PDB file of N, CA and C in Angstrom:
ATOM      1  N   MET A   1     -41.989 -58.856  60.244  1.00  0.00           N
ATOM      2  CA  MET A   1     -40.972 -59.642  59.784  1.00  0.00           C
ATOM      3  C   MET A   1     -40.866 -60.940  60.687  1.00  0.00           C
ATOM      4  N   SER A   2     -40.404 -62.066  60.069  1.00  0.00           N
ATOM      5  CA  SER A   2     -40.297 -63.173  60.941  1.00  0.00           C
ATOM      6  C   SER A   2     -39.080 -63.043  62.004  1.00  0.00           C
ATOM      7  N   ASP A   3     -39.172 -63.916  62.777  1.00  0.00           N
ATOM      8  CA  ASP A   3     -37.966 -63.939  63.956  1.00  0.00           C
ATOM      9  C   ASP A   3     -36.658 -64.089  63.258  1.00  0.00           C
ATOM     10  N   GLY A   4     -36.594 -65.231  62.210  1.00  0.00           N
ATOM     11  CA  GLY A   4     -35.329 -65.245  61.476  1.00  0.00           C
ATOM     12  C   GLY A   4     -34.834 -64.139  60.799  1.00  0.00           C
ATOM     13  N   TRP A   5     -35.756 -63.451  60.025  1.00  0.00           N
ATOM     14  CA  TRP A   5     -35.454 -62.277  59.216  1.00  0.00           C
ATOM     15  C   TRP A   5     -34.935 -61.126  60.133  1.00  0.00           C
ATOM     16  N   THR A   6     -35.596 -61.003  61.332  1.00  0.00           N
ATOM     17  CA  THR A   6     -35.164 -59.975  62.144  1.00  0.00           C
ATOM     18  C   THR A   6     -33.951 -60.205  62.852  1.00  0.00           C
ATOM     19  N   ARG A   7     -33.544 -61.349  63.214  1.00  0.00           N
ATOM     20  CA  ARG A   7     -32.266 -61.833  63.679  1.00  0.00           C
ATOM     21  C   ARG A   7     -31.074 -61.437  62.818  1.00  0.00           C
ATOM     22  N   THR A   8     -31.467 -61.956  61.373  1.00  0.00           N
ATOM     23  CA  THR A   8     -30.596 -61.836  60.463  1.00  0.00           C
ATOM     24  C   THR A   8     -30.108 -60.197  60.146  1.00  0.00           C
ATOM     25  N   HIS A   9     -31.137 -59.359  60.320  1.00  0.00           N
ATOM     26  CA  HIS A   9     -30.896 -57.908  59.995  1.00  0.00           C
ATOM     27  C   HIS A   9     -30.936 -57.027  61.206  1.00  0.00           C
ATOM     28  N   TYR A  10     -30.682 -57.633  62.364  1.00  0.00           N
ATOM     29  CA  TYR A  10     -30.993 -56.899  63.539  1.00  0.00           C
ATOM     30  C   TYR A  10     -30.171 -55.563  63.779  1.00  0.00           C
ATOM     31  N   GLU A  11     -28.887 -55.676  63.263  1.00  0.00           N
ATOM     32  CA  GLU A  11     -27.980 -54.465  63.421  1.00  0.00           C
ATOM     33  C   GLU A  11     -28.127 -53.509  62.200  1.00  0.00           C
ATOM     34  N   ALA A  12     -28.905 -53.878  61.190  1.00  0.00           N
ATOM     35  CA  ALA A  12     -28.978 -52.979  60.095  1.00  0.00           C
ATOM     36  C   ALA A  12     -29.555 -51.472  60.445  1.00  0.00           C
ATOM     37  N   ASP A  13     -28.987 -50.462  59.777  1.00  0.00           N
ATOM     38  CA  ASP A  13     -29.640 -49.223  60.007  1.00  0.00           C
ATOM     39  C   ASP A  13     -30.923 -49.069  59.523  1.00  0.00           C
ATOM     40  N   ARG A  14     -31.690 -48.006  59.838  1.00  0.00           N
ATOM     41  CA  ARG A  14     -33.117 -47.925  59.506  1.00  0.00           C
ATOM     42  C   ARG A  14     -33.429 -47.868  57.970  1.00  0.00           C
ATOM     43  N   ALA A  15     -32.712 -47.147  57.312  1.00  0.00           N
ATOM     44  CA  ALA A  15     -32.690 -47.098  55.796  1.00  0.00           C
ATOM     45  C   ALA A  15     -32.684 -48.420  55.174  1.00  0.00           C
ATOM     46  N   THR A  16     -31.674 -49.074  55.569  1.00  0.00           N
ATOM     47  CA  THR A  16     -31.415 -50.493  55.051  1.00  0.00           C
ATOM     48  C   THR A  16     -32.645 -51.495  55.427  1.00  0.00           C
ATOM     49  N   LEU A  17     -32.982 -51.311  56.627  1.00  0.00           N
ATOM     50  CA  LEU A  17     -34.109 -52.199  57.029  1.00  0.00           C
ATOM     51  C   LEU A  17     -35.368 -51.916  56.240  1.00  0.00           C
ATOM     52  N   PHE A  18     -35.668 -50.610  55.879  1.00  0.00           N
ATOM     53  CA  PHE A  18     -36.718 -50.346  55.098  1.00  0.00           C
ATOM     54  C   PHE A  18     -36.581 -50.777  53.682  1.00  0.00           C
ATOM     55  N   ASP A  19     -35.471 -50.673  53.111  1.00  0.00           N
ATOM     56  CA  ASP A  19     -35.221 -51.121  51.696  1.00  0.00           C
ATOM     57  C   ASP A  19     -35.257 -52.687  51.637  1.00  0.00           C
ATOM     58  N   LEU A  20     -34.904 -53.313  52.661  1.00  0.00           N
ATOM     59  CA  LEU A  20     -35.016 -54.861  52.745  1.00  0.00           C
ATOM     60  C   LEU A  20     -36.406 -55.218  52.887  1.00  0.00           C
ATOM     61  N   ALA A  21     -37.122 -54.639  53.634  1.00  0.00           N
ATOM     62  CA  ALA A  21     -38.512 -55.069  54.058  1.00  0.00           C
ATOM     63  C   ALA A  21     -39.533 -54.515  52.882  1.00  0.00           C
ATOM     64  N   ARG A  22     -39.273 -53.425  52.285  1.00  0.00           N
ATOM     65  CA  ARG A  22     -40.273 -52.876  51.385  1.00  0.00           C
ATOM     66  C   ARG A  22     -40.712 -53.890  50.372  1.00  0.00           C
ATOM     67  N   PRO A  23     -39.960 -54.633  49.570  1.00  0.00           N
ATOM     68  CA  PRO A  23     -40.449 -55.565  48.658  1.00  0.00           C
ATOM     69  C   PRO A  23     -41.354 -56.793  49.238  1.00  0.00           C
ATOM     70  N   HIS A  24     -40.994 -57.004  50.378  1.00  0.00           N
ATOM     71  CA  HIS A  24     -41.904 -58.001  51.112  1.00  0.00           C
ATOM     72  C   HIS A  24     -43.205 -57.410  51.336  1.00  0.00           C
ATOM     73  N   LEU A  25     -43.296 -56.125  51.767  1.00  0.00           N
ATOM     74  CA  LEU A  25     -44.480 -55.584  52.204  1.00  0.00           C
ATOM     75  C   LEU A  25     -45.271 -55.315  50.884  1.00  0.00           C
ATOM     76  N   GLU A  26     -44.739 -54.928  49.814  1.00  0.00           N
ATOM     77  CA  GLU A  26     -45.399 -54.647  48.603  1.00  0.00           C
ATOM     78  C   GLU A  26     -45.951 -55.890  48.027  1.00  0.00           C
ATOM     79  N   THR A  27     -45.354 -57.071  48.149  1.00  0.00           N
ATOM     80  CA  THR A  27     -45.808 -58.302  47.788  1.00  0.00           C
ATOM     81  C   THR A  27     -47.020 -58.692  48.681  1.00  0.00           C
ATOM     82  N   LEU A  28     -46.949 -58.588  50.008  1.00  0.00           N
ATOM     83  CA  LEU A  28     -47.875 -58.950  50.814  1.00  0.00           C
ATOM     84  C   LEU A  28     -49.298 -58.178  50.480  1.00  0.00           C
ATOM     85  N   LEU A  29     -48.955 -56.815  50.220  1.00  0.00           N
ATOM     86  CA  LEU A  29     -50.162 -55.900  50.073  1.00  0.00           C
ATOM     87  C   LEU A  29     -50.669 -55.672  48.521  1.00  0.00           C
ATOM     88  N   SER A  30     -49.790 -56.321  47.665  1.00  0.00           N
ATOM     89  CA  SER A  30     -50.159 -56.410  46.131  1.00  0.00           C
ATOM     90  C   SER A  30     -50.207 -55.060  45.641  1.00  0.00           C
ATOM     91  N   THR A  31     -49.276 -54.131  46.160  1.00  0.00           N
ATOM     92  CA  THR A  31     -49.374 -52.851  45.654  1.00  0.00           C
ATOM     93  C   THR A  31     -48.022 -52.160  45.875  1.00  0.00           C
ATOM     94  N   PRO A  32     -47.553 -51.373  44.955  1.00  0.00           N
ATOM     95  CA  PRO A  32     -46.313 -50.536  45.309  1.00  0.00           C
ATOM     96  C   PRO A  32     -46.454 -49.538  46.512  1.00  0.00           C
ATOM     97  N   LEU A  33     -45.524 -49.389  47.228  1.00  0.00           N
ATOM     98  CA  LEU A  33     -45.570 -48.418  48.401  1.00  0.00           C
ATOM     99  C   LEU A  33     -44.995 -47.147  48.117  1.00  0.00           C
ATOM    100  N   PRO A  34     -45.680 -45.960  48.335  1.00  0.00           N
ATOM    101  CA  PRO A  34     -45.048 -44.693  48.059  1.00  0.00           C
ATOM    102  C   PRO A  34     -43.786 -44.493  48.922  1.00  0.00           C
ATOM    103  N   GLU A  35     -43.034 -43.591  48.660  1.00  0.00           N
ATOM    104  CA  GLU A  35     -41.896 -43.132  49.638  1.00  0.00           C
ATOM    105  C   GLU A  35     -42.436 -42.570  50.902  1.00  0.00           C
ATOM    106  N   PRO A  36     -41.927 -43.104  51.805  1.00  0.00           N
ATOM    107  CA  PRO A  36     -42.585 -42.670  53.332  1.00  0.00           C
ATOM    108  C   PRO A  36     -42.077 -41.297  53.638  1.00  0.00           C
ATOM    109  N   ILE A  37     -42.959 -40.670  54.333  1.00  0.00           N
ATOM    110  CA  ILE A  37     -42.528 -39.381  54.797  1.00  0.00           C
ATOM    111  C   ILE A  37     -41.583 -39.490  55.991  1.00  0.00           C
ATOM    112  N   TRP A  38     -41.680 -40.614  56.782  1.00  0.00           N
ATOM    113  CA  TRP A  38     -40.924 -40.801  57.942  1.00  0.00           C
ATOM    114  C   TRP A  38     -40.879 -42.277  58.199  1.00  0.00           C
ATOM    115  N   THR A  39     -39.771 -42.788  58.709  1.00  0.00           N
ATOM    116  CA  THR A  39     -39.710 -44.215  59.066  1.00  0.00           C
ATOM    117  C   THR A  39     -39.024 -44.375  60.436  1.00  0.00           C
ATOM    118  N   ASP A  40     -39.213 -45.280  61.205  1.00  0.00           N
ATOM    119  CA  ASP A  40     -38.772 -45.639  62.432  1.00  0.00           C
ATOM    120  C   ASP A  40     -38.505 -47.056  62.764  1.00  0.00           C
ATOM    121  N   THR A  41     -37.721 -47.420  63.627  1.00  0.00           N
ATOM    122  CA  THR A  41     -37.652 -48.814  63.900  1.00  0.00           C
ATOM    123  C   THR A  41     -37.640 -49.118  65.411  1.00  0.00           C
ATOM    124  N   GLN A  42     -38.210 -50.201  65.914  1.00  0.00           N
ATOM    125  CA  GLN A  42     -38.170 -50.429  67.332  1.00  0.00           C
ATOM    126  C   GLN A  42     -37.504 -51.932  67.379  1.00  0.00           C
ATOM    127  N   ARG A  43     -36.468 -51.900  68.143  1.00  0.00           N
ATOM    128  CA  ARG A  43     -35.809 -53.247  68.267  1.00  0.00           C
ATOM    129  C   ARG A  43     -35.833 -53.743  69.646  1.00  0.00           C
ATOM    130  N   TRP A  44     -36.590 -54.945  69.696  1.00  0.00           N
ATOM    131  CA  TRP A  44     -36.841 -55.559  70.931  1.00  0.00           C
ATOM    132  C   TRP A  44     -36.105 -56.989  70.781  1.00  0.00           C
ATOM    133  N   ARG A  45     -34.748 -57.041  71.298  1.00  0.00           N
ATOM    134  CA  ARG A  45     -34.056 -58.213  71.298  1.00  0.00           C
ATOM    135  C   ARG A  45     -34.646 -59.448  71.893  1.00  0.00           C
ATOM    136  N   TYR A  46     -35.150 -59.156  73.064  1.00  0.00           N
ATOM    137  CA  TYR A  46     -35.768 -60.196  73.820  1.00  0.00           C
ATOM    138  C   TYR A  46     -37.370 -60.210  73.713  1.00  0.00           C
ATOM    139  N   ALA A  47     -37.963 -59.960  72.689  1.00  0.00           N
ATOM    140  CA  ALA A  47     -39.376 -59.711  72.599  1.00  0.00           C
ATOM    141  C   ALA A  47     -40.153 -60.993  72.379  1.00  0.00           C
ATOM    142  N   LEU A  48     -39.558 -62.177  72.272  1.00  0.00           N
ATOM    143  CA  LEU A  48     -40.344 -63.303  72.106  1.00  0.00           C
ATOM    144  C   LEU A  48     -40.496 -64.204  73.304  1.00  0.00           C
ATOM    145  N   PRO A  49     -41.692 -64.143  73.927  1.00  0.00           N
ATOM    146  CA  PRO A  49     -41.760 -64.926  75.105  1.00  0.00           C
ATOM    147  C   PRO A  49     -41.731 -66.398  74.861  1.00  0.00           C
ATOM    148  N   THR A  50     -41.180 -67.047  75.859  1.00  0.00           N
ATOM    149  CA  THR A  50     -41.087 -68.521  75.702  1.00  0.00           C
ATOM    150  C   THR A  50     -41.900 -69.355  76.720  1.00  0.00           C
ATOM    151  N   SER A  51     -42.531 -68.445  77.606  1.00  0.00           N
ATOM    152  CA  SER A  51     -43.466 -68.957  78.490  1.00  0.00           C
ATOM    153  C   SER A  51     -44.386 -67.905  79.041  1.00  0.00           C
ATOM    154  N   ALA A  52     -45.631 -68.390  79.363  1.00  0.00           N
ATOM    155  CA  ALA A  52     -46.694 -67.326  79.768  1.00  0.00           C
ATOM    156  C   ALA A  52     -46.270 -66.925  81.301  1.00  0.00           C
ATOM    157  N   ALA A  53     -46.777 -65.630  81.467  1.00  0.00           N
ATOM    158  CA  ALA A  53     -46.603 -64.862  82.709  1.00  0.00           C
ATOM    159  C   ALA A  53     -47.650 -65.507  83.653  1.00  0.00           C
ATOM    160  N   ASP A  54     -47.492 -65.387  84.975  1.00  0.00           N
ATOM    161  CA  ASP A  54     -48.348 -65.825  86.024  1.00  0.00           C
ATOM    162  C   ASP A  54     -49.702 -64.936  86.070  1.00  0.00           C
ATOM    163  N   THR A  55     -50.616 -65.240  85.229  1.00  0.00           N
ATOM    164  CA  THR A  55     -51.780 -64.318  85.025  1.00  0.00           C
ATOM    165  C   THR A  55     -52.557 -64.273  86.260  1.00  0.00           C
ATOM    166  N   ASP A  56     -52.606 -65.394  87.061  1.00  0.00           N
ATOM    167  CA  ASP A  56     -53.301 -65.313  88.388  1.00  0.00           C
ATOM    168  C   ASP A  56     -52.730 -64.224  89.225  1.00  0.00           C
ATOM    169  N   ALA A  57     -51.304 -64.236  89.413  1.00  0.00           N
ATOM    170  CA  ALA A  57     -50.714 -63.175  90.238  1.00  0.00           C
ATOM    171  C   ALA A  57     -50.973 -61.729  89.628  1.00  0.00           C
ATOM    172  N   LEU A  58     -50.837 -61.706  88.403  1.00  0.00           N
ATOM    173  CA  LEU A  58     -51.148 -60.301  87.695  1.00  0.00           C
ATOM    174  C   LEU A  58     -52.556 -59.937  88.008  1.00  0.00           C
ATOM    175  N   ALA A  59     -53.582 -60.979  87.942  1.00  0.00           N
ATOM    176  CA  ALA A  59     -55.030 -60.381  88.097  1.00  0.00           C
ATOM    177  C   ALA A  59     -55.285 -59.798  89.479  1.00  0.00           C
ATOM    178  N   GLU A  60     -54.452 -60.207  90.395  1.00  0.00           N
ATOM    179  CA  GLU A  60     -54.512 -59.520  91.752  1.00  0.00           C
ATOM    180  C   GLU A  60     -54.319 -57.951  91.757  1.00  0.00           C
ATOM    181  N   GLY A  61     -53.731 -57.523  90.650  1.00  0.00           N
ATOM    182  CA  GLY A  61     -53.496 -56.095  90.489  1.00  0.00           C
ATOM    183  C   GLY A  61     -54.719 -55.298  90.076  1.00  0.00           C
ATOM    184  N   ALA A  62     -55.834 -55.956  89.686  1.00  0.00           N
ATOM    185  CA  ALA A  62     -57.109 -55.317  89.195  1.00  0.00           C
ATOM    186  C   ALA A  62     -57.703 -54.546  90.370  1.00  0.00           C
ATOM    187  N   GLU A  63     -57.524 -55.154  91.563  1.00  0.00           N
ATOM    188  CA  GLU A  63     -58.237 -54.458  92.698  1.00  0.00           C
ATOM    189  C   GLU A  63     -57.586 -53.122  93.054  1.00  0.00           C
ATOM    190  N   HIS A  64     -56.282 -52.817  92.471  1.00  0.00           N
ATOM    191  CA  HIS A  64     -55.626 -51.530  92.652  1.00  0.00           C
ATOM    192  C   HIS A  64     -55.730 -50.739  91.389  1.00  0.00           C
ATOM    193  N   GLY A  65     -56.417 -51.176  90.455  1.00  0.00           N
ATOM    194  CA  GLY A  65     -56.442 -50.461  89.036  1.00  0.00           C
ATOM    195  C   GLY A  65     -55.399 -50.672  88.247  1.00  0.00           C
ATOM    196  N   LEU A  66     -54.657 -51.813  88.351  1.00  0.00           N
ATOM    197  CA  LEU A  66     -53.459 -52.367  87.401  1.00  0.00           C
ATOM    198  C   LEU A  66     -54.058 -53.394  86.576  1.00  0.00           C
ATOM    199  N   PHE A  67     -53.925 -53.240  85.150  1.00  0.00           N
ATOM    200  CA  PHE A  67     -54.247 -54.249  84.247  1.00  0.00           C
ATOM    201  C   PHE A  67     -53.209 -54.434  83.404  1.00  0.00           C
ATOM    202  N   PHE A  68     -52.900 -55.614  82.863  1.00  0.00           N
ATOM    203  CA  PHE A  68     -51.875 -55.847  82.047  1.00  0.00           C
ATOM    204  C   PHE A  68     -52.224 -56.427  80.580  1.00  0.00           C
ATOM    205  N   ALA A  69     -51.366 -56.199  79.626  1.00  0.00           N
ATOM    206  CA  ALA A  69     -51.656 -56.619  78.334  1.00  0.00           C
ATOM    207  C   ALA A  69     -50.200 -56.917  77.681  1.00  0.00           C
ATOM    208  N   GLY A  70     -50.241 -57.831  76.690  1.00  0.00           N
ATOM    209  CA  GLY A  70     -49.052 -58.209  75.960  1.00  0.00           C
ATOM    210  C   GLY A  70     -48.933 -59.611  75.626  1.00  0.00           C
ATOM    211  N   ASP A  71     -48.198 -59.968  74.625  1.00  0.00           N
ATOM    212  CA  ASP A  71     -48.147 -61.435  74.221  1.00  0.00           C
ATOM    213  C   ASP A  71     -47.438 -62.125  75.311  1.00  0.00           C
ATOM    214  N   TYR A  72     -46.616 -61.559  76.266  1.00  0.00           N
ATOM    215  CA  TYR A  72     -45.972 -62.217  77.356  1.00  0.00           C
ATOM    216  C   TYR A  72     -46.987 -62.956  78.139  1.00  0.00           C
ATOM    217  N   LEU A  73     -48.235 -62.433  78.266  1.00  0.00           N
ATOM    218  CA  LEU A  73     -49.228 -63.083  79.110  1.00  0.00           C
ATOM    219  C   LEU A  73     -49.604 -64.471  78.641  1.00  0.00           C
ATOM    220  N   VAL A  74     -49.499 -64.707  77.300  1.00  0.00           N
ATOM    221  CA  VAL A  74     -50.003 -66.062  76.716  1.00  0.00           C
ATOM    222  C   VAL A  74     -48.721 -66.832  76.420  1.00  0.00           C
ATOM    223  N   GLY A  75     -47.526 -66.219  76.397  1.00  0.00           N
ATOM    224  CA  GLY A  75     -46.256 -66.939  76.108  1.00  0.00           C
ATOM    225  C   GLY A  75     -46.066 -67.255  74.666  1.00  0.00           C
ATOM    226  N   GLN A  76     -46.689 -66.441  73.924  1.00  0.00           N
ATOM    227  CA  GLN A  76     -46.402 -66.598  72.223  1.00  0.00           C
ATOM    228  C   GLN A  76     -46.390 -65.241  71.899  1.00  0.00           C
ATOM    229  N   GLY A  77     -45.175 -65.027  71.200  1.00  0.00           N
ATOM    230  CA  GLY A  77     -44.814 -63.680  70.589  1.00  0.00           C
ATOM    231  C   GLY A  77     -45.540 -63.387  69.335  1.00  0.00           C
ATOM    232  N   ARG A  78     -46.787 -63.028  69.309  1.00  0.00           N
ATOM    233  CA  ARG A  78     -47.723 -62.700  68.212  1.00  0.00           C
ATOM    234  C   ARG A  78     -48.321 -61.452  68.487  1.00  0.00           C
ATOM    235  N   VAL A  79     -48.466 -60.583  67.416  1.00  0.00           N
ATOM    236  CA  VAL A  79     -49.333 -59.257  67.580  1.00  0.00           C
ATOM    237  C   VAL A  79     -50.718 -59.477  67.937  1.00  0.00           C
ATOM    238  N   HIS A  80     -51.340 -60.521  67.250  1.00  0.00           N
ATOM    239  CA  HIS A  80     -52.781 -60.702  67.629  1.00  0.00           C
ATOM    240  C   HIS A  80     -52.843 -61.238  69.069  1.00  0.00           C
ATOM    241  N   ARG A  81     -51.966 -61.850  69.650  1.00  0.00           N
ATOM    242  CA  ARG A  81     -52.183 -62.367  71.077  1.00  0.00           C
ATOM    243  C   ARG A  81     -52.032 -61.167  71.921  1.00  0.00           C
ATOM    244  N   ALA A  82     -51.201 -60.199  71.524  1.00  0.00           N
ATOM    245  CA  ALA A  82     -51.034 -58.983  72.381  1.00  0.00           C
ATOM    246  C   ALA A  82     -52.276 -58.104  72.221  1.00  0.00           C
ATOM    247  N   LEU A  83     -52.913 -58.050  71.115  1.00  0.00           N
ATOM    248  CA  LEU A  83     -54.162 -57.379  70.930  1.00  0.00           C
ATOM    249  C   LEU A  83     -55.215 -57.965  71.679  1.00  0.00           C
ATOM    250  N   GLU A  84     -55.237 -59.235  71.663  1.00  0.00           N
ATOM    251  CA  GLU A  84     -56.270 -59.983  72.524  1.00  0.00           C
ATOM    252  C   GLU A  84     -56.224 -59.639  73.892  1.00  0.00           C
ATOM    253  N   THR A  85     -55.176 -59.604  74.399  1.00  0.00           N
ATOM    254  CA  THR A  85     -54.963 -59.286  75.861  1.00  0.00           C
ATOM    255  C   THR A  85     -55.174 -57.742  76.155  1.00  0.00           C
ATOM    256  N   GLY A  86     -55.017 -56.931  75.217  1.00  0.00           N
ATOM    257  CA  GLY A  86     -55.369 -55.475  75.381  1.00  0.00           C
ATOM    258  C   GLY A  86     -56.803 -55.309  75.433  1.00  0.00           C
ATOM    259  N   ARG A  87     -57.532 -55.930  74.464  1.00  0.00           N
ATOM    260  CA  ARG A  87     -58.983 -56.013  74.586  1.00  0.00           C
ATOM    261  C   ARG A  87     -59.441 -56.619  75.866  1.00  0.00           C
ATOM    262  N   ASN A  88     -58.929 -57.475  76.308  1.00  0.00           N
ATOM    263  CA  ASN A  88     -59.453 -58.099  77.572  1.00  0.00           C
ATOM    264  C   ASN A  88     -59.222 -57.180  78.698  1.00  0.00           C
ATOM    265  N   ALA A  89     -57.861 -56.449  78.739  1.00  0.00           N
ATOM    266  CA  ALA A  89     -57.743 -55.483  79.793  1.00  0.00           C
ATOM    267  C   ALA A  89     -58.769 -54.265  79.610  1.00  0.00           C
ATOM    268  N   ALA A  90     -58.939 -53.803  78.468  1.00  0.00           N
ATOM    269  CA  ALA A  90     -59.912 -52.802  78.204  1.00  0.00           C
ATOM    270  C   ALA A  90     -61.221 -53.175  78.680  1.00  0.00           C
ATOM    271  N   GLN A  91     -61.649 -54.328  78.436  1.00  0.00           N
ATOM    272  CA  GLN A  91     -63.068 -54.813  78.973  1.00  0.00           C
ATOM    273  C   GLN A  91     -63.107 -54.804  80.501  1.00  0.00           C
ATOM    274  N   GLN A  92     -62.042 -55.256  81.207  1.00  0.00           N
ATOM    275  CA  GLN A  92     -61.967 -55.138  82.558  1.00  0.00           C
ATOM    276  C   GLN A  92     -61.998 -53.738  83.165  1.00  0.00           C
ATOM    277  N   ILE A  93     -61.290 -52.918  82.439  1.00  0.00           N
ATOM    278  CA  ILE A  93     -61.336 -51.527  82.938  1.00  0.00           C
ATOM    279  C   ILE A  93     -62.743 -50.881  82.819  1.00  0.00           C
ATOM    280  N   LEU A  94     -63.423 -51.352  81.560  1.00  0.00           N
ATOM    281  CA  LEU A  94     -64.752 -50.644  81.412  1.00  0.00           C
ATOM    282  C   LEU A  94     -65.716 -51.272  82.494  1.00  0.00           C
ATOM    283  N   ARG A  95     -65.611 -52.459  82.820  1.00  0.00           N
ATOM    284  CA  ARG A  95     -66.466 -53.083  83.772  1.00  0.00           C
ATOM    285  C   ARG A  95     -66.230 -52.450  85.040  1.00  0.00           C
ATOM    286  N   MET A  96     -65.059 -52.159  85.567  1.00  0.00           N
ATOM    287  CA  MET A  96     -64.593 -51.484  86.717  1.00  0.00           C
ATOM    288  C   MET A  96     -65.206 -50.127  86.862  1.00  0.00           C
ATOM    289  N   THR A  97     -65.063 -49.491  85.743  1.00  0.00           N
ATOM    290  CA  THR A  97     -65.494 -47.982  85.797  1.00  0.00           C
ATOM    291  C   THR A  97     -66.875 -47.786  85.547  1.00  0.00           C
ATOM    292  N   SER A  98     -67.655 -48.829  84.953  1.00  0.00           N
ATOM    293  CA  SER A  98     -69.050 -48.629  84.797  1.00  0.00           C
ATOM    294  C   SER A  98     -69.786 -49.346  86.007  1.00  0.00           C
ATOM    295  N   GLY A  99     -69.136 -49.895  86.769  1.00  0.00           N
ATOM    296  CA  GLY A  99     -69.816 -50.649  88.014  1.00  0.00           C
ATOM    297  C   GLY A  99     -70.368 -51.936  87.683  1.00  0.00           C
ATOM    298  N   GLY A 100     -70.148 -52.365  86.459  1.00  0.00           N
ATOM    299  CA  GLY A 100     -70.748 -53.753  86.164  1.00  0.00           C
ATOM    300  C   GLY A 100     -69.732 -54.578  85.797  1.00  0.00           C
TER     301      GLY A 100
END
């Protein structure tokens, strides 16, 4: 859901959120959704980064086996950006563990 939608509905209970989001998801997926077996919500009030983290400073953690991932690294709150940094961290870990 967009930032605006989330802010508007932030305090809504889980069932209400599902009922409000469901028609949007069905439209997006072009199919009706079955009743869920289980639902959950995660509320991150401050989850939209407005500037990027100091990646040079964080990179120093690699020598100690610390790798970082998340949209905060690029300063843009988007899932695909978080996924990119996760893949990059995984590649670093693989290189470190494989010796290459």
